[in-house]
Amino acid sequence: MQFERMKKKGRETAMMTNLQKVEILRASCCVASADGETTPDERARLKSLADAMGVGDASLQAMIDRATRDPEFYKTQFGMLRDEPLKTLDILIESALANGQIKPSELEVLKKLADRLSISDSDFRERIANQARSASE
């Protein structure tokens, strides 16, 4: 089921600009690294996103390293993402759920990103609940 969603996400990302794709991937790295580590499941999800977006392994590793080292990195990720904030949030939530749960530190970064994207608290909570439900199916 998750593979089908990733394939669908790959088709959706084809309509975004390259800059938007890279910003979403960077933001996903920030969410995955919010707890100070990136699990193998999170890395696999990031790799799938990177592949769908045409980002190479070295660039992906550099993004993961920066996000892990710099807890403020997420603040620089939002020049283009405001065009489709809910789609962006869905992709970020999927990345956070790659290991089966959203840790408190990941939830905190997601909330800050949602605030920066002007997503309401109710939309944020609804998206989290829907994605969590889908991930557990």
C-alpha atoms as a PDB file:
ATOM      1  CA  MET A   1       0.000   0.000   0.000  1.00  0.00           C
ATOM      2  CA  GLN A   2       2.757   2.476   0.905  1.00  0.00           C
ATOM      3  CA  PHE A   3       4.546   1.713  -2.386  1.00  0.00           C
ATOM      4  CA  GLU A   4       1.374   2.636  -4.300  1.00  0.00           C
ATOM      5  CA  ARG A   5       1.141   5.933  -2.397  1.00  0.00           C
ATOM      6  CA  MET A   6       4.804   6.647  -3.172  1.00  0.00           C
ATOM      7  CA  LYS A   7       4.248   5.927  -6.865  1.00  0.00           C
ATOM      8  CA  LYS A   8       1.265   8.260  -6.781  1.00  0.00           C
ATOM      9  CA  LYS A   9       3.340  10.913  -5.000  1.00  0.00           C
ATOM     10  CA  GLY A  10       5.953  10.527  -7.730  1.00  0.00           C
ATOM     11  CA  ARG A  11       3.330  11.390 -10.349  1.00  0.00           C
ATOM     12  CA  GLU A  12       2.135  14.344  -8.278  1.00  0.00           C
ATOM     13  CA  THR A  13       5.644  15.706  -7.946  1.00  0.00           C
ATOM     14  CA  ALA A  14       6.023  15.739 -11.736  1.00  0.00           C
ATOM     15  CA  MET A  15       3.836  18.873 -11.782  1.00  0.00           C
ATOM     16  CA  MET A  16       6.063  20.774  -9.321  1.00  0.00           C
ATOM     17  CA  THR A  17       9.082  22.823 -10.273  1.00  0.00           C
ATOM     18  CA  ASN A  18      12.521  21.396  -9.542  1.00  0.00           C
ATOM     19  CA  LEU A  19      13.008  23.980  -6.801  1.00  0.00           C
ATOM     20  CA  GLN A  20       9.745  22.973  -5.124  1.00  0.00           C
ATOM     21  CA  LYS A  21      10.763  19.313  -5.277  1.00  0.00           C
ATOM     22  CA  VAL A  22      14.115  20.011  -3.641  1.00  0.00           C
ATOM     23  CA  GLU A  23      12.498  22.150  -0.930  1.00  0.00           C
ATOM     24  CA  ILE A  24      10.051  19.366  -0.097  1.00  0.00           C
ATOM     25  CA  LEU A  25      12.905  16.872   0.086  1.00  0.00           C
ATOM     26  CA  ARG A  26      14.939  19.188   2.335  1.00  0.00           C
ATOM     27  CA  ALA A  27      11.939  19.740   4.588  1.00  0.00           C
ATOM     28  CA  SER A  28      11.372  15.959   4.701  1.00  0.00           C
ATOM     29  CA  CYS A  29      14.997  15.549   5.791  1.00  0.00           C
ATOM     30  CA  CYS A  30      14.378  18.087   8.558  1.00  0.00           C
ATOM     31  CA  VAL A  31      11.354  16.172   9.819  1.00  0.00           C
ATOM     32  CA  ALA A  32      13.114  12.789   9.634  1.00  0.00           C
ATOM     33  CA  SER A  33      16.159  14.181  11.476  1.00  0.00           C
ATOM     34  CA  ALA A  34      14.227  16.130  14.120  1.00  0.00           C
ATOM     35  CA  ASP A  35      15.030  13.545  16.788  1.00  0.00           C
ATOM     36  CA  GLY A  36      18.754  13.651  16.023  1.00  0.00           C
ATOM     37  CA  GLU A  37      18.839  10.502  13.923  1.00  0.00           C
ATOM     38  CA  THR A  38      17.444   9.133  10.690  1.00  0.00           C
ATOM     39  CA  THR A  39      16.215   5.531  10.911  1.00  0.00           C
ATOM     40  CA  PRO A  40      16.619   3.052   8.045  1.00  0.00           C
ATOM     41  CA  ASP A  41      12.873   3.307   7.315  1.00  0.00           C
ATOM     42  CA  GLU A  42      13.085   7.106   7.213  1.00  0.00           C
ATOM     43  CA  ARG A  43      16.144   6.893   4.951  1.00  0.00           C
ATOM     44  CA  ALA A  44      14.272   4.528   2.618  1.00  0.00           C
ATOM     45  CA  ARG A  45      11.350   6.967   2.413  1.00  0.00           C
ATOM     46  CA  LEU A  46      13.717   9.879   1.761  1.00  0.00           C
ATOM     47  CA  LYS A  47      15.511   7.825  -0.909  1.00  0.00           C
ATOM     48  CA  SER A  48      12.171   7.093  -2.596  1.00  0.00           C
ATOM     49  CA  LEU A  49      11.305  10.787  -2.585  1.00  0.00           C
ATOM     50  CA  ALA A  50      14.768  11.691  -3.873  1.00  0.00           C
ATOM     51  CA  ASP A  51      14.518   9.138  -6.677  1.00  0.00           C
ATOM     52  CA  ALA A  52      11.064  10.397  -7.678  1.00  0.00           C
ATOM     53  CA  MET A  53      12.427  13.941  -7.723  1.00  0.00           C
ATOM     54  CA  GLY A  54      15.650  13.146  -9.578  1.00  0.00           C
ATOM     55  CA  VAL A  55      17.941  13.999  -6.651  1.00  0.00           C
ATOM     56  CA  GLY A  56      21.137  11.951  -6.416  1.00  0.00           C
ATOM     57  CA  ASP A  57      22.429  10.020  -3.426  1.00  0.00           C
ATOM     58  CA  ALA A  58      25.236  12.480  -2.603  1.00  0.00           C
ATOM     59  CA  SER A  59      22.842  15.435  -2.569  1.00  0.00           C
ATOM     60  CA  LEU A  60      20.362  13.517  -0.430  1.00  0.00           C
ATOM     61  CA  GLN A  61      23.092  12.570   2.054  1.00  0.00           C
ATOM     62  CA  ALA A  62      24.208  16.203   2.255  1.00  0.00           C
ATOM     63  CA  MET A  63      20.621  17.255   3.042  1.00  0.00           C
ATOM     64  CA  ILE A  64      20.282  14.575   5.726  1.00  0.00           C
ATOM     65  CA  ASP A  65      23.644  15.552   7.259  1.00  0.00           C
ATOM     66  CA  ARG A  66      22.719  19.239   7.337  1.00  0.00           C
ATOM     67  CA  ALA A  67      19.299  18.552   8.830  1.00  0.00           C
ATOM     68  CA  THR A  68      20.843  16.329  11.509  1.00  0.00           C
ATOM     69  CA  ARG A  69      23.589  18.828  12.419  1.00  0.00           C
ATOM     70  CA  ASP A  70      21.512  22.015  12.242  1.00  0.00           C
ATOM     71  CA  PRO A  71      18.180  21.980  14.111  1.00  0.00           C
ATOM     72  CA  GLU A  72      17.374  25.412  12.605  1.00  0.00           C
ATOM     73  CA  PHE A  73      17.771  24.185   8.986  1.00  0.00           C
ATOM     74  CA  TYR A  74      13.998  23.807   8.582  1.00  0.00           C
ATOM     75  CA  LYS A  75      13.550  27.586   8.804  1.00  0.00           C
ATOM     76  CA  THR A  76      15.124  28.081   5.372  1.00  0.00           C
ATOM     77  CA  GLN A  77      12.891  25.653   3.472  1.00  0.00           C
ATOM     78  CA  PHE A  78       9.845  27.643   2.495  1.00  0.00           C
ATOM     79  CA  GLY A  79      10.387  29.934  -0.456  1.00  0.00           C
ATOM     80  CA  MET A  80       8.309  27.893  -2.921  1.00  0.00           C
ATOM     81  CA  LEU A  81       6.349  25.498  -0.729  1.00  0.00           C
ATOM     82  CA  ARG A  82       3.573  27.972   0.012  1.00  0.00           C
ATOM     83  CA  ASP A  83       1.981  27.307  -3.392  1.00  0.00           C
ATOM     84  CA  GLU A  84       0.613  23.915  -2.304  1.00  0.00           C
ATOM     85  CA  PRO A  85       0.871  23.853   1.482  1.00  0.00           C
ATOM     86  CA  LEU A  86      -1.460  20.913   2.175  1.00  0.00           C
ATOM     87  CA  LYS A  87       0.221  18.689  -0.409  1.00  0.00           C
ATOM     88  CA  THR A  88       3.579  19.683   1.065  1.00  0.00           C
ATOM     89  CA  LEU A  89       2.382  18.851   4.585  1.00  0.00           C
ATOM     90  CA  ASP A  90       1.076  15.457   3.442  1.00  0.00           C
ATOM     91  CA  ILE A  91       4.475  14.560   1.977  1.00  0.00           C
ATOM     92  CA  LEU A  92       6.232  15.692   5.153  1.00  0.00           C
ATOM     93  CA  ILE A  93       3.867  13.688   7.360  1.00  0.00           C
ATOM     94  CA  GLU A  94       4.447  10.600   5.215  1.00  0.00           C
ATOM     95  CA  SER A  95       8.183  11.023   5.740  1.00  0.00           C
ATOM     96  CA  ALA A  96       7.693  11.312   9.496  1.00  0.00           C
ATOM     97  CA  LEU A  97       5.562   8.141   9.506  1.00  0.00           C
ATOM     98  CA  ALA A  98       8.148   6.111   7.571  1.00  0.00           C
ATOM     99  CA  ASN A  99       9.227   4.369  10.773  1.00  0.00           C
ATOM    100  CA  GLY A 100       5.614   3.719  11.833  1.00  0.00           C
ATOM    101  CA  GLN A 101       5.176   6.602  14.265  1.00  0.00           C
ATOM    102  CA  ILE A 102       5.667  10.317  14.623  1.00  0.00           C
ATOM    103  CA  LYS A 103       7.997  11.084  17.515  1.00  0.00           C
ATOM    104  CA  PRO A 104       7.328  14.200  19.635  1.00  0.00           C
ATOM    105  CA  SER A 105      10.367  15.997  18.176  1.00  0.00           C
ATOM    106  CA  GLU A 106       9.156  15.226  14.641  1.00  0.00           C
ATOM    107  CA  LEU A 107       5.659  16.421  15.517  1.00  0.00           C
ATOM    108  CA  GLU A 108       7.130  19.658  16.851  1.00  0.00           C
ATOM    109  CA  VAL A 109       9.015  20.297  13.588  1.00  0.00           C
ATOM    110  CA  LEU A 110       5.938  19.389  11.531  1.00  0.00           C
ATOM    111  CA  LYS A 111       3.866  21.871  13.543  1.00  0.00           C
ATOM    112  CA  LYS A 112       6.436  24.619  13.046  1.00  0.00           C
ATOM    113  CA  LEU A 113       6.519  23.881   9.323  1.00  0.00           C
ATOM    114  CA  ALA A 114       2.716  23.895   9.165  1.00  0.00           C
ATOM    115  CA  ASP A 115       2.648  27.244  10.949  1.00  0.00           C
ATOM    116  CA  ARG A 116       5.172  28.660   8.468  1.00  0.00           C
ATOM    117  CA  LEU A 117       2.970  27.370   5.629  1.00  0.00           C
ATOM    118  CA  SER A 118      -0.087  29.069   7.236  1.00  0.00           C
ATOM    119  CA  ILE A 119      -1.899  25.772   7.756  1.00  0.00           C
ATOM    120  CA  SER A 120      -4.585  25.941  10.438  1.00  0.00           C
ATOM    121  CA  ASP A 121      -4.390  23.828  13.589  1.00  0.00           C
ATOM    122  CA  SER A 122      -7.526  21.920  12.573  1.00  0.00           C
ATOM    123  CA  ASP A 123      -6.127  21.122   9.102  1.00  0.00           C
ATOM    124  CA  PHE A 124      -2.832  20.094  10.699  1.00  0.00           C
ATOM    125  CA  ARG A 125      -4.508  17.723  13.185  1.00  0.00           C
ATOM    126  CA  GLU A 126      -6.786  16.295  10.482  1.00  0.00           C
ATOM    127  CA  ARG A 127      -3.846  15.618   8.127  1.00  0.00           C
ATOM    128  CA  ILE A 128      -1.857  13.945  10.909  1.00  0.00           C
ATOM    129  CA  ALA A 129      -4.818  11.731  11.865  1.00  0.00           C
ATOM    130  CA  ASN A 130      -5.601  10.764   8.253  1.00  0.00           C
ATOM    131  CA  GLN A 131      -1.988   9.908   7.422  1.00  0.00           C
ATOM    132  CA  ALA A 132      -1.560   7.926  10.661  1.00  0.00           C
ATOM    133  CA  ARG A 133      -4.717   5.966   9.870  1.00  0.00           C
ATOM    134  CA  SER A 134      -3.524   5.254   6.313  1.00  0.00           C
ATOM    135  CA  ALA A 135      -0.073   4.179   7.518  1.00  0.00           C
ATOM    136  CA  SER A 136      -1.561   1.654   9.951  1.00  0.00           C
ATOM    137  CA  GLU A 137      -3.709  -0.024   7.281  1.00  0.00           C
END
